[in-house]
Protein backbone atom coordinates (compact mmCIF):
# COMPACT_ATOMS: atom_id res chain seq x y z
CA MET A 1 -9.01 -16.14 9.97
CA LYS A 2 -10.97 -13.91 7.61
CA ASP A 3 -9.35 -11.22 5.47
CA CYS A 4 -9.33 -7.98 7.44
CA ILE A 5 -7.42 -4.91 8.46
CA LEU A 6 -7.14 -3.98 12.13
CA HIS A 7 -7.66 -0.29 11.51
CA ASN A 8 -7.54 2.94 13.45
CA PRO A 9 -9.12 5.67 11.32
CA ARG A 10 -7.23 8.34 13.28
CA CYS A 11 -3.85 6.83 12.30
CA ARG A 12 -2.26 8.15 9.10
CA LYS A 13 -0.37 4.88 8.45
CA SER A 14 -3.55 2.88 8.93
CA ARG A 15 -5.49 5.10 6.52
CA LYS A 16 -2.69 4.88 3.94
CA THR A 17 -2.54 1.08 4.21
CA LEU A 18 -6.30 0.81 3.74
CA SER A 19 -6.04 3.13 0.75
CA LEU A 20 -3.33 0.93 -0.82
CA LEU A 21 -5.57 -2.11 -0.42
CA ARG A 22 -8.57 -0.35 -1.93
CA GLU A 23 -6.47 0.97 -4.85
CA ARG A 24 -5.72 -2.68 -5.67
CA GLY A 25 -9.39 -3.65 -5.45
CA VAL A 26 -8.91 -5.68 -2.28
CA ASP A 27 -12.08 -6.12 -0.28
CA VAL A 28 -11.21 -6.72 3.36
CA GLU A 29 -13.29 -6.31 6.45
CA VAL A 30 -12.30 -3.09 8.21
CA VAL A 31 -12.12 -3.81 11.92
CA GLU A 32 -11.85 -0.72 14.08
CA TYR A 33 -9.95 -2.66 16.70
CA LEU A 34 -10.18 0.04 19.37
CA ARG A 35 -13.97 -0.45 19.33
CA HIS A 36 -13.92 -4.17 18.53
CA PRO A 37 -10.67 -5.72 19.81
CA PRO A 38 -9.66 -9.09 18.42
CA SER A 39 -10.44 -12.09 20.59
CA PRO A 40 -7.58 -13.94 22.25
CA SER A 41 -7.82 -16.69 19.63
CA GLU A 42 -7.80 -14.14 16.78
CA LEU A 43 -4.75 -12.42 18.26
CA HIS A 44 -3.00 -15.79 18.65
CA LYS A 45 -3.73 -16.50 14.98
CA ILE A 46 -2.40 -13.09 13.94
CA CYS A 47 0.81 -13.69 15.89
CA THR A 48 1.14 -17.08 14.23
CA LEU A 49 0.61 -15.62 10.75
CA LEU A 50 3.14 -12.87 11.47
CA ASP A 51 5.48 -15.37 13.16
CA VAL A 52 5.96 -13.03 16.11
CA HIS A 53 5.72 -13.11 19.88
CA PRO A 54 2.87 -10.88 21.12
CA THR A 55 5.41 -8.47 22.62
CA GLU A 56 6.48 -7.63 19.06
CA LEU A 57 3.03 -6.10 18.52
CA VAL A 58 3.16 -3.88 21.62
CA ARG A 59 3.29 -0.14 21.12
CA THR A 60 5.69 0.63 23.95
CA GLY A 61 5.57 4.37 23.21
CA GLU A 62 1.91 4.60 24.21
CA SER A 63 1.37 6.38 27.53
CA GLN A 64 -0.91 3.51 28.52
CA PHE A 65 2.11 1.15 28.39
CA ARG A 66 3.88 3.26 31.01
CA GLU A 67 0.73 3.88 33.06
CA LEU A 68 0.18 0.14 33.36
CA GLY A 69 3.77 -0.35 34.51
CA LEU A 70 4.46 -2.81 31.72
CA SER A 71 7.89 -4.01 30.68
CA LEU A 72 8.86 -6.26 27.80
CA ASP A 73 11.59 -7.73 30.00
CA ASP A 74 9.36 -9.39 32.57
CA ASP A 75 8.32 -13.03 32.85
CA ARG A 76 4.80 -12.77 31.43
CA THR A 77 3.65 -15.65 29.26
CA VAL A 78 2.37 -15.47 25.69
CA GLU A 79 -1.15 -15.82 27.09
CA ASP A 80 -0.54 -12.97 29.55
CA TRP A 81 0.52 -10.66 26.70
CA ILE A 82 -2.41 -11.74 24.55
CA ASP A 83 -4.78 -10.92 27.42
CA ILE A 84 -3.12 -7.51 27.93
CA LEU A 85 -3.44 -6.64 24.24
CA VAL A 86 -7.08 -7.73 24.13
CA GLU A 87 -7.89 -5.70 27.25
CA TYR A 88 -5.86 -2.68 26.12
CA PRO A 89 -6.13 -2.68 22.30
CA ARG A 90 -4.52 0.78 22.06
CA LEU A 91 -1.26 -1.09 22.71
CA ILE A 92 -1.60 -3.18 19.52
CA GLU A 93 0.63 -2.11 16.65
CA ARG A 94 -1.38 -0.87 13.70
CA PRO A 95 -2.47 -1.50 11.11
CA ILE A 96 -2.38 -5.27 10.76
CA VAL A 97 -3.61 -6.72 7.49
CA VAL A 98 -4.68 -10.36 7.14
CA LEU A 99 -5.17 -11.46 3.56
CA GLY A 100 -5.19 -14.88 1.95
CA GLY A 101 -3.78 -16.67 4.97
CA LYS A 102 -0.88 -14.21 5.36
CA ALA A 103 -0.47 -11.16 7.56
CA VAL A 104 1.67 -8.03 7.73
CA VAL A 105 1.98 -4.98 9.91
CA GLY A 106 1.42 -1.94 7.70
CA ARG A 107 4.33 0.08 9.03
CA PRO A 108 5.26 1.34 6.58
CA PRO A 109 2.03 1.02 4.61
CA GLU A 110 3.95 -0.44 1.66
CA ASN A 111 4.48 -3.60 3.74
CA ALA A 112 0.96 -4.54 2.67
CA LEU A 113 2.23 -4.98 -0.88
CA ALA A 114 4.05 -8.14 0.25
CA LEU A 115 0.65 -9.80 0.52
CA PHE A 116 0.38 -9.69 -3.27
CA ASP A 117 3.61 -11.62 -3.98
C-alpha cells in the first residue's frame, strides 16, 4: 500500500497529524477518504498493518452508526465490517497514516511519530 493519510480536512486531529508529517518533510498522498473511500482491499491492508479488527476502526459515536442500527456485538464478519466502512466512510476512525509499510491512527496526532522509530 502506498504512503498516505486518510484525511478529513474538517477534523482538527487530522489536520494536526498532517501538519506533523509535513513538519518532518514527509510527502504522503492526502486521501480525503469521505470523497474517495478506500477500497475493500485497501481497508483490509490497513487493518493488517494496524493489526486490528475492522470494528476497532469504527467511530461508534457517529450518529450514522446509530441510524444504521449497528452494534459491535453482533455476528458480522470481517468482510461485512469492511463493506460497511467502505460504504459509510464517515464511520472510519481518522486520521490513519500509512508510511513505509507501517500504519497508525493519529489519535492523538503524536501517534504518527511512532512511524519514525
